[in-house]
Amino acid sequence: MRTDTFFKDLLKAFFAEFLRLFHPAQAAQVDFREVTFLDKETFTDVAHGERRELDLVVRVRTRAGAQEMVLVHVELEARARRGFAARMFRYYKALTLRHACGVFPIALVFARTGMGLDRPTCAEATLGQRVAAFRYWRIALPDLPGAEYVERDNPLAPALAALMKPGTPQREEWKYRCLKALARFRLDAARQYLLLDCVETYLPLSRKEEARFKGHLKRNREVKNMRKTWSEQLIEQGEKRGEKRGEKRGEKRGVKLGVKLGERLGEKLGVKLGEKLGELRAKRQTLLELMRAKFGARPAAVTRLVSAITNVRRLDTLIRRVLTARTPEEMGLEK
């Protein structure tokens, strides 16, 4: 499973869609041309001895001209943790004191609460008297009916429906339905990749389910083509080239050893090495193509920096970062 970094990137890229999906009344008040994401917004809990980086803090301007903030805290735990409401209250107080403006607090949770959408309360009492009460908006994705969201006129809806209660008894049929709904929207390759990645990650299939799922794809070429985005095709081609080179290197090493065991071992090692090199090469190319599409012609220094990256996870992070970076410098290639 992905970390909350994945959902931070997803919500950054689809912040307007997220607010319109779950809080349409509040979204109607926001001028989405005036949205600023505050990175590295930290909170130190002295009493509990911890320092946390808040997931998503957004400064917005209302259509009436007021400056407000939206806090979206992503809780990936499959089970609800005690003290969560109190923790949200502390985050809320820290932000209001630091920025001196209103804060709209939202919790996106993966634990079942039995409520779906609700507004829990955290109360503070002193000397037996209630002195303060805090309420926040909670979105428990596993409790929401996916069938009611998957067909919404919002591209984020079918992606998040993959984490909701399935609308069909068969996982492969539900995954197909989510992808079919997603295919209705005409998005650029980078944004579509992020939504598709959400469905693929959170609706994995067994071998038998995958076989039945391919049967669904045969009936819908649009969904089938969507899965084969140009970036995925590059990766697939790179993997195939790497596998062929790996097989050749493995065979040569096996012949030199002169024994069948050496040949098999060499082939396996070669295939693994070739696959890794092929995947790295393809993802580097994907990143460079995305940067060129967004920022224009790339200098030679950028190509050298990308070519020097040998970590697949870092390349995945940079590919997602293209969606939210405003300049090449914000990509952080030199880190």
C-alpha atoms as a PDB file:
ATOM      1  CA  MET A   1       0.000   0.000   0.000  1.00  0.00           C
ATOM      2  CA  ARG A   2       1.073   3.561  -0.596  1.00  0.00           C
ATOM      3  CA  THR A   3       1.937   6.015   2.133  1.00  0.00           C
ATOM      4  CA  ASP A   4       0.044   9.199   2.877  1.00  0.00           C
ATOM      5  CA  THR A   5       2.488  10.946   0.488  1.00  0.00           C
ATOM      6  CA  PHE A   6       0.552   9.400  -2.392  1.00  0.00           C
ATOM      7  CA  PHE A   7      -2.719  10.850  -1.137  1.00  0.00           C
ATOM      8  CA  LYS A   8      -1.086  14.206  -0.450  1.00  0.00           C
ATOM      9  CA  ASP A   9      -0.062  14.333  -4.123  1.00  0.00           C
ATOM     10  CA  LEU A  10      -3.506  13.144  -5.217  1.00  0.00           C
ATOM     11  CA  LEU A  11      -5.347  15.774  -3.168  1.00  0.00           C
ATOM     12  CA  LYS A  12      -3.008  18.515  -4.343  1.00  0.00           C
ATOM     13  CA  ALA A  13      -3.696  17.661  -7.965  1.00  0.00           C
ATOM     14  CA  PHE A  14      -7.462  17.311  -7.398  1.00  0.00           C
ATOM     15  CA  PHE A  15      -8.102  19.669  -4.488  1.00  0.00           C
ATOM     16  CA  ALA A  16     -11.024  21.438  -6.156  1.00  0.00           C
ATOM     17  CA  GLU A  17     -12.599  18.114  -7.148  1.00  0.00           C
ATOM     18  CA  PHE A  18     -12.128  16.769  -3.608  1.00  0.00           C
ATOM     19  CA  LEU A  19     -13.867  19.749  -2.008  1.00  0.00           C
ATOM     20  CA  ARG A  20     -16.685  19.704  -4.579  1.00  0.00           C
ATOM     21  CA  LEU A  21     -17.214  15.960  -4.072  1.00  0.00           C
ATOM     22  CA  PHE A  22     -17.563  15.958  -0.290  1.00  0.00           C
ATOM     23  CA  HIS A  23     -18.237  19.622   0.617  1.00  0.00           C
ATOM     24  CA  PRO A  24     -20.033  21.252  -2.336  1.00  0.00           C
ATOM     25  CA  ALA A  25     -21.482  24.127  -0.266  1.00  0.00           C
ATOM     26  CA  GLN A  26     -18.025  25.155   0.952  1.00  0.00           C
ATOM     27  CA  ALA A  27     -16.477  24.608  -2.495  1.00  0.00           C
ATOM     28  CA  ALA A  28     -18.996  27.040  -3.979  1.00  0.00           C
ATOM     29  CA  GLN A  29     -17.556  29.768  -1.747  1.00  0.00           C
ATOM     30  CA  VAL A  30     -13.928  29.232  -2.779  1.00  0.00           C
ATOM     31  CA  ASP A  31     -12.150  31.010  -5.618  1.00  0.00           C
ATOM     32  CA  PHE A  32      -9.957  28.136  -6.828  1.00  0.00           C
ATOM     33  CA  ARG A  33      -7.748  30.559  -8.758  1.00  0.00           C
ATOM     34  CA  GLU A  34      -6.465  31.729  -5.353  1.00  0.00           C
ATOM     35  CA  VAL A  35      -5.218  28.484  -3.787  1.00  0.00           C
ATOM     36  CA  THR A  36      -1.833  28.067  -2.071  1.00  0.00           C
ATOM     37  CA  PHE A  37      -0.508  24.792  -0.666  1.00  0.00           C
ATOM     38  CA  LEU A  38       1.599  25.309   2.446  1.00  0.00           C
ATOM     39  CA  ASP A  39       4.399  22.747   2.406  1.00  0.00           C
ATOM     40  CA  LYS A  40       6.222  21.543   5.503  1.00  0.00           C
ATOM     41  CA  GLU A  41       3.558  22.869   7.888  1.00  0.00           C
ATOM     42  CA  THR A  42       4.685  21.278  11.171  1.00  0.00           C
ATOM     43  CA  PHE A  43       3.161  21.014  14.615  1.00  0.00           C
ATOM     44  CA  THR A  44       5.023  20.251  17.831  1.00  0.00           C
ATOM     45  CA  ASP A  45       2.998  18.500  20.524  1.00  0.00           C
ATOM     46  CA  VAL A  46       5.022  19.334  23.621  1.00  0.00           C
ATOM     47  CA  ALA A  47       2.785  17.343  25.970  1.00  0.00           C
ATOM     48  CA  HIS A  48       3.191  14.149  23.934  1.00  0.00           C
ATOM     49  CA  GLY A  49       6.790  14.736  22.824  1.00  0.00           C
ATOM     50  CA  GLU A  50       6.172  14.474  19.088  1.00  0.00           C
ATOM     51  CA  ARG A  51       6.637  16.633  16.022  1.00  0.00           C
ATOM     52  CA  ARG A  52       4.291  16.078  13.089  1.00  0.00           C
ATOM     53  CA  GLU A  53       4.107  17.371   9.556  1.00  0.00           C
ATOM     54  CA  LEU A  54       0.488  18.108   8.721  1.00  0.00           C
ATOM     55  CA  ASP A  55      -0.677  16.351   5.576  1.00  0.00           C
ATOM     56  CA  LEU A  56      -2.344  19.075   3.548  1.00  0.00           C
ATOM     57  CA  VAL A  57      -2.783  22.693   4.580  1.00  0.00           C
ATOM     58  CA  VAL A  58      -4.301  24.960   1.938  1.00  0.00           C
ATOM     59  CA  ARG A  59      -4.731  28.720   2.024  1.00  0.00           C
ATOM     60  CA  VAL A  60      -7.794  29.732   0.018  1.00  0.00           C
ATOM     61  CA  ARG A  61      -9.601  32.945  -0.774  1.00  0.00           C
ATOM     62  CA  THR A  62     -13.367  33.046  -0.788  1.00  0.00           C
ATOM     63  CA  ARG A  63     -15.374  34.695  -3.545  1.00  0.00           C
ATOM     64  CA  ALA A  64     -16.196  37.385  -0.981  1.00  0.00           C
ATOM     65  CA  GLY A  65     -12.477  38.125  -0.616  1.00  0.00           C
ATOM     66  CA  ALA A  66     -11.835  36.586   2.824  1.00  0.00           C
ATOM     67  CA  GLN A  67      -8.732  34.502   3.466  1.00  0.00           C
ATOM     68  CA  GLU A  68      -9.374  31.089   5.004  1.00  0.00           C
ATOM     69  CA  MET A  69      -7.580  27.760   5.387  1.00  0.00           C
ATOM     70  CA  VAL A  70      -8.473  24.127   4.773  1.00  0.00           C
ATOM     71  CA  LEU A  71      -6.779  21.316   6.717  1.00  0.00           C
ATOM     72  CA  VAL A  72      -7.030  17.797   5.276  1.00  0.00           C
ATOM     73  CA  HIS A  73      -5.506  15.152   7.538  1.00  0.00           C
ATOM     74  CA  VAL A  74      -5.077  11.681   5.978  1.00  0.00           C
ATOM     75  CA  GLU A  75      -5.213   8.761   8.417  1.00  0.00           C
ATOM     76  CA  LEU A  76      -4.168   5.535   6.689  1.00  0.00           C
ATOM     77  CA  GLU A  77      -4.580   3.251   9.709  1.00  0.00           C
ATOM     78  CA  ALA A  78      -7.068   0.437   9.056  1.00  0.00           C
ATOM     79  CA  ARG A  79      -8.237   0.688  12.666  1.00  0.00           C
ATOM     80  CA  ALA A  80      -9.394   3.828  14.419  1.00  0.00           C
ATOM     81  CA  ARG A  81      -6.881   5.080  16.984  1.00  0.00           C
ATOM     82  CA  ARG A  82      -7.842   6.494  20.353  1.00  0.00           C
ATOM     83  CA  GLY A  83      -7.401  10.217  20.792  1.00  0.00           C
ATOM     84  CA  PHE A  84      -7.797  11.032  17.098  1.00  0.00           C
ATOM     85  CA  ALA A  85     -10.401  13.758  17.665  1.00  0.00           C
ATOM     86  CA  ALA A  86      -8.206  15.399  20.312  1.00  0.00           C
ATOM     87  CA  ARG A  87      -5.275  15.316  17.896  1.00  0.00           C
ATOM     88  CA  MET A  88      -7.366  17.022  15.210  1.00  0.00           C
ATOM     89  CA  PHE A  89      -8.321  19.668  17.790  1.00  0.00           C
ATOM     90  CA  ARG A  90      -4.658  20.344  18.560  1.00  0.00           C
ATOM     91  CA  TYR A  91      -3.834  20.682  14.851  1.00  0.00           C
ATOM     92  CA  TYR A  92      -6.756  23.061  14.422  1.00  0.00           C
ATOM     93  CA  LYS A  93      -5.717  25.267  17.359  1.00  0.00           C
ATOM     94  CA  ALA A  94      -2.099  25.363  16.174  1.00  0.00           C
ATOM     95  CA  LEU A  95      -3.115  26.552  12.706  1.00  0.00           C
ATOM     96  CA  THR A  96      -5.583  29.185  13.918  1.00  0.00           C
ATOM     97  CA  LEU A  97      -2.982  30.621  16.303  1.00  0.00           C
ATOM     98  CA  ARG A  98      -0.213  30.580  13.710  1.00  0.00           C
ATOM     99  CA  HIS A  99      -2.147  32.036  10.782  1.00  0.00           C
ATOM    100  CA  ALA A 100      -4.889  34.031  12.554  1.00  0.00           C
ATOM    101  CA  CYS A 101      -7.669  32.957  10.202  1.00  0.00           C
ATOM    102  CA  GLY A 102     -10.517  30.458   9.996  1.00  0.00           C
ATOM    103  CA  VAL A 103      -9.667  26.782   9.425  1.00  0.00           C
ATOM    104  CA  PHE A 104     -11.984  24.193   7.859  1.00  0.00           C
ATOM    105  CA  PRO A 105     -10.824  20.820   9.317  1.00  0.00           C
ATOM    106  CA  ILE A 106     -11.324  17.566   7.364  1.00  0.00           C
ATOM    107  CA  ALA A 107     -10.137  14.054   8.232  1.00  0.00           C
ATOM    108  CA  LEU A 108      -9.866  11.500   5.418  1.00  0.00           C
ATOM    109  CA  VAL A 109      -9.692   8.124   7.160  1.00  0.00           C
ATOM    110  CA  PHE A 110      -9.305   4.512   6.031  1.00  0.00           C
ATOM    111  CA  ALA A 111     -10.774   2.984   9.195  1.00  0.00           C
ATOM    112  CA  ARG A 112     -14.395   1.888   9.353  1.00  0.00           C
ATOM    113  CA  THR A 113     -16.421   4.124  11.637  1.00  0.00           C
ATOM    114  CA  GLY A 114     -19.905   2.954  10.703  1.00  0.00           C
ATOM    115  CA  MET A 115     -20.812   6.526   9.736  1.00  0.00           C
ATOM    116  CA  GLY A 116     -19.264   7.333   6.352  1.00  0.00           C
ATOM    117  CA  LEU A 117     -19.628  11.114   6.542  1.00  0.00           C
ATOM    118  CA  ASP A 118     -20.026  12.625   9.998  1.00  0.00           C
ATOM    119  CA  ARG A 119     -18.881  15.388  12.369  1.00  0.00           C
ATOM    120  CA  PRO A 120     -17.305  14.012  15.548  1.00  0.00           C
ATOM    121  CA  THR A 121     -16.942  16.258  18.578  1.00  0.00           C
ATOM    122  CA  CYS A 122     -14.022  16.749  20.935  1.00  0.00           C
ATOM    123  CA  ALA A 123     -14.924  18.568  24.178  1.00  0.00           C
ATOM    124  CA  GLU A 124     -12.612  20.142  26.744  1.00  0.00           C
ATOM    125  CA  ALA A 125     -13.681  20.392  30.349  1.00  0.00           C
ATOM    126  CA  THR A 126     -12.180  22.158  33.341  1.00  0.00           C
ATOM    127  CA  LEU A 127     -13.305  21.728  36.968  1.00  0.00           C
ATOM    128  CA  GLY A 128     -16.196  19.630  35.825  1.00  0.00           C
ATOM    129  CA  GLN A 129     -17.467  22.221  33.333  1.00  0.00           C
ATOM    130  CA  ARG A 130     -17.394  22.055  29.553  1.00  0.00           C
ATOM    131  CA  VAL A 131     -15.378  25.030  28.357  1.00  0.00           C
ATOM    132  CA  ALA A 132     -14.832  24.267  24.658  1.00  0.00           C
ATOM    133  CA  ALA A 133     -16.129  21.977  21.946  1.00  0.00           C
ATOM    134  CA  PHE A 134     -14.528  21.226  18.592  1.00  0.00           C
ATOM    135  CA  ARG A 135     -16.161  19.537  15.604  1.00  0.00           C
ATOM    136  CA  TYR A 136     -14.485  18.409  12.408  1.00  0.00           C
ATOM    137  CA  TRP A 137     -15.663  16.777   9.207  1.00  0.00           C
ATOM    138  CA  ARG A 138     -14.728  13.101   8.878  1.00  0.00           C
ATOM    139  CA  ILE A 139     -14.771  11.096   5.638  1.00  0.00           C
ATOM    140  CA  ALA A 140     -14.476   7.342   6.250  1.00  0.00           C
ATOM    141  CA  LEU A 141     -13.988   5.968   2.740  1.00  0.00           C
ATOM    142  CA  PRO A 142     -14.599   2.244   3.557  1.00  0.00           C
ATOM    143  CA  ASP A 143     -18.085   3.094   4.880  1.00  0.00           C
ATOM    144  CA  LEU A 144     -19.246   5.077   1.858  1.00  0.00           C
ATOM    145  CA  PRO A 145     -21.388   3.357  -0.822  1.00  0.00           C
ATOM    146  CA  GLY A 146     -19.184   3.207  -3.891  1.00  0.00           C
ATOM    147  CA  ALA A 147     -22.164   2.745  -6.219  1.00  0.00           C
ATOM    148  CA  GLU A 148     -23.422   6.227  -5.283  1.00  0.00           C
ATOM    149  CA  TYR A 149     -20.081   7.877  -6.038  1.00  0.00           C
ATOM    150  CA  VAL A 150     -18.635   6.025  -9.019  1.00  0.00           C
ATOM    151  CA  GLU A 151     -20.937   7.704 -11.559  1.00  0.00           C
ATOM    152  CA  ARG A 152     -20.593  11.241 -10.163  1.00  0.00           C
ATOM    153  CA  ASP A 153     -19.626  13.953 -12.625  1.00  0.00           C
ATOM    154  CA  ASN A 154     -16.255  14.319 -10.920  1.00  0.00           C
ATOM    155  CA  PRO A 155     -13.038  12.554 -12.059  1.00  0.00           C
ATOM    156  CA  LEU A 156     -11.882  11.977  -8.475  1.00  0.00           C
ATOM    157  CA  ALA A 157     -15.057  10.042  -7.589  1.00  0.00           C
ATOM    158  CA  PRO A 158     -14.375   6.756  -9.484  1.00  0.00           C
ATOM    159  CA  ALA A 159     -10.770   6.723  -8.208  1.00  0.00           C
ATOM    160  CA  LEU A 160     -11.825   7.043  -4.553  1.00  0.00           C
ATOM    161  CA  ALA A 161     -14.697   4.617  -5.162  1.00  0.00           C
ATOM    162  CA  ALA A 162     -11.997   1.943  -5.325  1.00  0.00           C
ATOM    163  CA  LEU A 163     -11.606   2.383  -1.551  1.00  0.00           C
ATOM    164  CA  MET A 164     -15.333   2.463  -0.778  1.00  0.00           C
ATOM    165  CA  LYS A 165     -17.900  -0.311  -0.353  1.00  0.00           C
ATOM    166  CA  PRO A 166     -17.941  -2.081  -3.727  1.00  0.00           C
ATOM    167  CA  GLY A 167     -21.075  -1.764  -5.794  1.00  0.00           C
ATOM    168  CA  THR A 168     -20.739  -5.313  -7.150  1.00  0.00           C
ATOM    169  CA  PRO A 169     -19.991  -8.633  -5.389  1.00  0.00           C
ATOM    170  CA  GLN A 170     -17.038  -9.434  -7.698  1.00  0.00           C
ATOM    171  CA  ARG A 171     -13.856  -7.380  -7.238  1.00  0.00           C
ATOM    172  CA  GLU A 172     -12.887  -7.618 -10.896  1.00  0.00           C
ATOM    173  CA  GLU A 173     -16.299  -6.323 -11.975  1.00  0.00           C
ATOM    174  CA  TRP A 174     -16.073  -3.433  -9.515  1.00  0.00           C
ATOM    175  CA  LYS A 175     -12.588  -2.520 -10.705  1.00  0.00           C
ATOM    176  CA  TYR A 176     -13.796  -2.540 -14.299  1.00  0.00           C
ATOM    177  CA  ARG A 177     -16.726  -0.308 -13.368  1.00  0.00           C
ATOM    178  CA  CYS A 178     -14.424   2.195 -11.632  1.00  0.00           C
ATOM    179  CA  LEU A 179     -12.085   2.317 -14.638  1.00  0.00           C
ATOM    180  CA  LYS A 180     -14.992   2.582 -17.065  1.00  0.00           C
ATOM    181  CA  ALA A 181     -16.345   5.583 -15.126  1.00  0.00           C
ATOM    182  CA  LEU A 182     -12.878   7.130 -15.062  1.00  0.00           C
ATOM    183  CA  ALA A 183     -12.504   6.725 -18.837  1.00  0.00           C
ATOM    184  CA  ARG A 184     -15.413   9.158 -19.361  1.00  0.00           C
ATOM    185  CA  PHE A 185     -13.220  12.103 -18.384  1.00  0.00           C
ATOM    186  CA  ARG A 186     -10.807  13.697 -20.832  1.00  0.00           C
ATOM    187  CA  LEU A 187      -7.757  14.394 -18.697  1.00  0.00           C
ATOM    188  CA  ASP A 188      -4.135  15.025 -19.533  1.00  0.00           C
ATOM    189  CA  ALA A 189      -1.851  11.984 -19.291  1.00  0.00           C
ATOM    190  CA  ALA A 190      -0.280  12.972 -15.961  1.00  0.00           C
ATOM    191  CA  ARG A 191      -3.587  13.511 -14.112  1.00  0.00           C
ATOM    192  CA  GLN A 192      -5.138  10.390 -15.598  1.00  0.00           C
ATOM    193  CA  TYR A 193      -2.041   8.417 -14.555  1.00  0.00           C
ATOM    194  CA  LEU A 194      -2.487   9.497 -10.936  1.00  0.00           C
ATOM    195  CA  LEU A 195      -6.173   8.473 -10.800  1.00  0.00           C
ATOM    196  CA  LEU A 196      -5.515   5.203 -12.599  1.00  0.00           C
ATOM    197  CA  ASP A 197      -2.685   4.505 -10.167  1.00  0.00           C
ATOM    198  CA  CYS A 198      -5.127   4.906  -7.265  1.00  0.00           C
ATOM    199  CA  VAL A 199      -7.542   2.307  -8.667  1.00  0.00           C
ATOM    200  CA  GLU A 200      -4.756  -0.122  -9.588  1.00  0.00           C
ATOM    201  CA  THR A 201      -3.133   0.192  -6.150  1.00  0.00           C
ATOM    202  CA  TYR A 202      -6.217  -0.131  -3.972  1.00  0.00           C
ATOM    203  CA  LEU A 203      -8.103  -2.718  -6.030  1.00  0.00           C
ATOM    204  CA  PRO A 204      -5.510  -5.477  -6.563  1.00  0.00           C
ATOM    205  CA  LEU A 205      -6.788  -8.722  -8.070  1.00  0.00           C
ATOM    206  CA  SER A 206      -5.870 -12.353  -7.643  1.00  0.00           C
ATOM    207  CA  ARG A 207      -4.802 -14.349 -10.686  1.00  0.00           C
ATOM    208  CA  LYS A 208      -8.298 -15.747 -11.197  1.00  0.00           C
ATOM    209  CA  GLU A 209      -9.875 -12.314 -10.774  1.00  0.00           C
ATOM    210  CA  GLU A 210      -7.344 -10.805 -13.192  1.00  0.00           C
ATOM    211  CA  ALA A 211      -8.246 -13.416 -15.801  1.00  0.00           C
ATOM    212  CA  ARG A 212     -11.943 -12.544 -15.498  1.00  0.00           C
ATOM    213  CA  PHE A 213     -11.070  -8.822 -15.487  1.00  0.00           C
ATOM    214  CA  LYS A 214      -9.335  -9.175 -18.861  1.00  0.00           C
ATOM    215  CA  GLY A 215     -12.591 -10.564 -20.194  1.00  0.00           C
ATOM    216  CA  HIS A 216     -14.301  -7.283 -19.246  1.00  0.00           C
ATOM    217  CA  LEU A 217     -11.559  -5.294 -20.977  1.00  0.00           C
ATOM    218  CA  LYS A 218     -12.183  -7.090 -24.264  1.00  0.00           C
ATOM    219  CA  ARG A 219     -15.659  -5.528 -24.322  1.00  0.00           C
ATOM    220  CA  ASN A 220     -14.412  -1.965 -23.859  1.00  0.00           C
ATOM    221  CA  ARG A 221     -11.468  -0.774 -25.918  1.00  0.00           C
ATOM    222  CA  GLU A 222     -11.515   2.680 -24.306  1.00  0.00           C
ATOM    223  CA  VAL A 223     -10.853   1.266 -20.837  1.00  0.00           C
ATOM    224  CA  LYS A 224      -8.229  -1.093 -22.219  1.00  0.00           C
ATOM    225  CA  ASN A 225      -6.435   1.771 -23.973  1.00  0.00           C
ATOM    226  CA  MET A 226      -6.621   3.954 -20.892  1.00  0.00           C
ATOM    227  CA  ARG A 227      -4.660   1.379 -18.905  1.00  0.00           C
ATOM    228  CA  LYS A 228      -2.063   1.476 -21.622  1.00  0.00           C
ATOM    229  CA  THR A 229      -1.118   5.107 -21.100  1.00  0.00           C
ATOM    230  CA  TRP A 230       1.926   6.301 -22.951  1.00  0.00           C
ATOM    231  CA  SER A 231       3.999   6.308 -19.784  1.00  0.00           C
ATOM    232  CA  GLU A 232       3.091   2.690 -19.045  1.00  0.00           C
ATOM    233  CA  GLN A 233       3.916   1.729 -22.613  1.00  0.00           C
ATOM    234  CA  LEU A 234       7.378   3.232 -22.187  1.00  0.00           C
ATOM    235  CA  ILE A 235       7.892   1.269 -19.001  1.00  0.00           C
ATOM    236  CA  GLU A 236       6.662  -1.922 -20.630  1.00  0.00           C
ATOM    237  CA  GLN A 237       8.974  -1.456 -23.606  1.00  0.00           C
ATOM    238  CA  GLY A 238      11.888  -0.777 -21.288  1.00  0.00           C
ATOM    239  CA  GLU A 239      11.158  -3.905 -19.278  1.00  0.00           C
ATOM    240  CA  LYS A 240      11.007  -6.025 -22.448  1.00  0.00           C
ATOM    241  CA  ARG A 241      14.317  -4.633 -23.709  1.00  0.00           C
ATOM    242  CA  GLY A 242      15.866  -5.197 -20.295  1.00  0.00           C
ATOM    243  CA  GLU A 243      14.543  -8.742 -20.127  1.00  0.00           C
ATOM    244  CA  LYS A 244      15.994  -9.628 -23.555  1.00  0.00           C
ATOM    245  CA  ARG A 245      19.380  -8.175 -22.675  1.00  0.00           C
ATOM    246  CA  GLY A 246      19.287  -9.948 -19.344  1.00  0.00           C
ATOM    247  CA  GLU A 247      18.543 -13.271 -20.975  1.00  0.00           C
ATOM    248  CA  LYS A 248      21.504 -12.873 -23.356  1.00  0.00           C
ATOM    249  CA  ARG A 249      23.873 -11.951 -20.547  1.00  0.00           C
ATOM    250  CA  GLY A 250      22.593 -14.852 -18.478  1.00  0.00           C
ATOM    251  CA  GLU A 251      23.073 -17.333 -21.314  1.00  0.00           C
ATOM    252  CA  LYS A 252      26.659 -16.172 -21.952  1.00  0.00           C
ATOM    253  CA  ARG A 253      27.573 -16.453 -18.307  1.00  0.00           C
ATOM    254  CA  GLY A 254      25.979 -19.889 -18.110  1.00  0.00           C
ATOM    255  CA  VAL A 255      27.934 -21.111 -21.141  1.00  0.00           C
ATOM    256  CA  LYS A 256      31.189 -19.878 -19.637  1.00  0.00           C
ATOM    257  CA  LEU A 257      30.550 -21.752 -16.433  1.00  0.00           C
ATOM    258  CA  GLY A 258      29.932 -24.818 -18.552  1.00  0.00           C
ATOM    259  CA  VAL A 259      27.261 -26.305 -16.326  1.00  0.00           C
ATOM    260  CA  LYS A 260      23.488 -26.178 -16.390  1.00  0.00           C
ATOM    261  CA  LEU A 261      23.306 -24.831 -12.873  1.00  0.00           C
ATOM    262  CA  GLY A 262      25.563 -21.922 -13.790  1.00  0.00           C
ATOM    263  CA  GLU A 263      23.544 -21.232 -16.920  1.00  0.00           C
ATOM    264  CA  ARG A 264      20.278 -21.055 -14.990  1.00  0.00           C
ATOM    265  CA  LEU A 265      21.769 -18.909 -12.263  1.00  0.00           C
ATOM    266  CA  GLY A 266      23.350 -16.555 -14.783  1.00  0.00           C
ATOM    267  CA  GLU A 267      20.123 -16.242 -16.722  1.00  0.00           C
ATOM    268  CA  LYS A 268      18.086 -15.404 -13.611  1.00  0.00           C
ATOM    269  CA  LEU A 269      20.608 -12.833 -12.437  1.00  0.00           C
ATOM    270  CA  GLY A 270      20.796 -11.338 -15.894  1.00  0.00           C
ATOM    271  CA  VAL A 271      17.041 -11.118 -16.265  1.00  0.00           C
ATOM    272  CA  LYS A 272      16.700  -9.379 -12.895  1.00  0.00           C
ATOM    273  CA  LEU A 273      19.456  -6.924 -13.708  1.00  0.00           C
ATOM    274  CA  GLY A 274      18.050  -6.296 -17.162  1.00  0.00           C
ATOM    275  CA  GLU A 275      14.532  -5.755 -15.832  1.00  0.00           C
ATOM    276  CA  LYS A 276      15.796  -3.251 -13.264  1.00  0.00           C
ATOM    277  CA  LEU A 277      17.856  -1.350 -15.817  1.00  0.00           C
ATOM    278  CA  GLY A 278      14.942  -1.360 -18.255  1.00  0.00           C
ATOM    279  CA  GLU A 279      12.506  -0.056 -15.640  1.00  0.00           C
ATOM    280  CA  LEU A 280      14.926   2.699 -14.571  1.00  0.00           C
ATOM    281  CA  ARG A 281      15.494   3.761 -18.180  1.00  0.00           C
ATOM    282  CA  ALA A 282      11.765   3.846 -18.941  1.00  0.00           C
ATOM    283  CA  LYS A 283      10.849   5.833 -15.831  1.00  0.00           C
ATOM    284  CA  ARG A 284      13.653   8.326 -16.442  1.00  0.00           C
ATOM    285  CA  GLN A 285      12.284   8.828 -19.949  1.00  0.00           C
ATOM    286  CA  THR A 286       8.737   9.207 -18.576  1.00  0.00           C
ATOM    287  CA  LEU A 287       9.887  11.882 -16.119  1.00  0.00           C
ATOM    288  CA  LEU A 288      11.790  13.818 -18.788  1.00  0.00           C
ATOM    289  CA  GLU A 289       8.810  13.711 -21.170  1.00  0.00           C
ATOM    290  CA  LEU A 290       6.423  14.954 -18.461  1.00  0.00           C
ATOM    291  CA  MET A 291       8.785  17.793 -17.520  1.00  0.00           C
ATOM    292  CA  ARG A 292       9.199  18.806 -21.154  1.00  0.00           C
ATOM    293  CA  ALA A 293       5.394  18.798 -21.642  1.00  0.00           C
ATOM    294  CA  LYS A 294       4.880  21.031 -18.591  1.00  0.00           C
ATOM    295  CA  PHE A 295       7.956  23.280 -18.480  1.00  0.00           C
ATOM    296  CA  GLY A 296       9.103  23.326 -22.107  1.00  0.00           C
ATOM    297  CA  ALA A 297      12.550  22.498 -23.473  1.00  0.00           C
ATOM    298  CA  ARG A 298      14.766  20.970 -20.829  1.00  0.00           C
ATOM    299  CA  PRO A 299      18.415  22.007 -20.310  1.00  0.00           C
ATOM    300  CA  ALA A 300      21.184  19.420 -20.520  1.00  0.00           C
ATOM    301  CA  ALA A 301      21.743  19.723 -16.754  1.00  0.00           C
ATOM    302  CA  VAL A 302      18.233  18.397 -16.075  1.00  0.00           C
ATOM    303  CA  THR A 303      18.835  15.381 -18.319  1.00  0.00           C
ATOM    304  CA  ARG A 304      22.101  14.636 -16.491  1.00  0.00           C
ATOM    305  CA  LEU A 305      20.421  14.861 -13.064  1.00  0.00           C
ATOM    306  CA  VAL A 306      17.572  12.551 -14.085  1.00  0.00           C
ATOM    307  CA  SER A 307      19.967  10.081 -15.735  1.00  0.00           C
ATOM    308  CA  ALA A 308      21.925   9.853 -12.483  1.00  0.00           C
ATOM    309  CA  ILE A 309      18.898   8.681 -10.457  1.00  0.00           C
ATOM    310  CA  THR A 310      19.125   4.957  -9.646  1.00  0.00           C
ATOM    311  CA  ASN A 311      16.206   4.659  -7.227  1.00  0.00           C
ATOM    312  CA  VAL A 312      12.855   3.615  -8.742  1.00  0.00           C
ATOM    313  CA  ARG A 313      10.852   4.978  -5.780  1.00  0.00           C
ATOM    314  CA  ARG A 314      12.445   8.405  -6.151  1.00  0.00           C
ATOM    315  CA  LEU A 315      11.565   8.424  -9.857  1.00  0.00           C
ATOM    316  CA  ASP A 316       7.925   7.564  -8.979  1.00  0.00           C
ATOM    317  CA  THR A 317       7.845  10.446  -6.477  1.00  0.00           C
ATOM    318  CA  LEU A 318       9.242  12.902  -9.046  1.00  0.00           C
ATOM    319  CA  ILE A 319       6.729  11.742 -11.698  1.00  0.00           C
ATOM    320  CA  ARG A 320       3.880  12.588  -9.292  1.00  0.00           C
ATOM    321  CA  ARG A 321       5.532  15.865  -8.314  1.00  0.00           C
ATOM    322  CA  VAL A 322       5.303  17.140 -11.917  1.00  0.00           C
ATOM    323  CA  LEU A 323       1.555  17.524 -11.311  1.00  0.00           C
ATOM    324  CA  THR A 324       1.980  20.141  -8.576  1.00  0.00           C
ATOM    325  CA  ALA A 325       5.361  21.772  -9.273  1.00  0.00           C
ATOM    326  CA  ARG A 326       5.083  25.241 -10.766  1.00  0.00           C
ATOM    327  CA  THR A 327       8.707  25.544 -11.894  1.00  0.00           C
ATOM    328  CA  PRO A 328      11.530  23.064 -12.659  1.00  0.00           C
ATOM    329  CA  GLU A 329      13.256  24.234  -9.472  1.00  0.00           C
ATOM    330  CA  GLU A 330      10.303  23.016  -7.348  1.00  0.00           C
ATOM    331  CA  MET A 331      10.927  19.480  -8.633  1.00  0.00           C
ATOM    332  CA  GLY A 332      13.891  19.172  -6.217  1.00  0.00           C
ATOM    333  CA  LEU A 333      16.068  17.182  -8.620  1.00  0.00           C
ATOM    334  CA  GLU A 334      19.289  18.143  -6.835  1.00  0.00           C
ATOM    335  CA  LYS A 335      18.187  16.814  -3.435  1.00  0.00           C
END
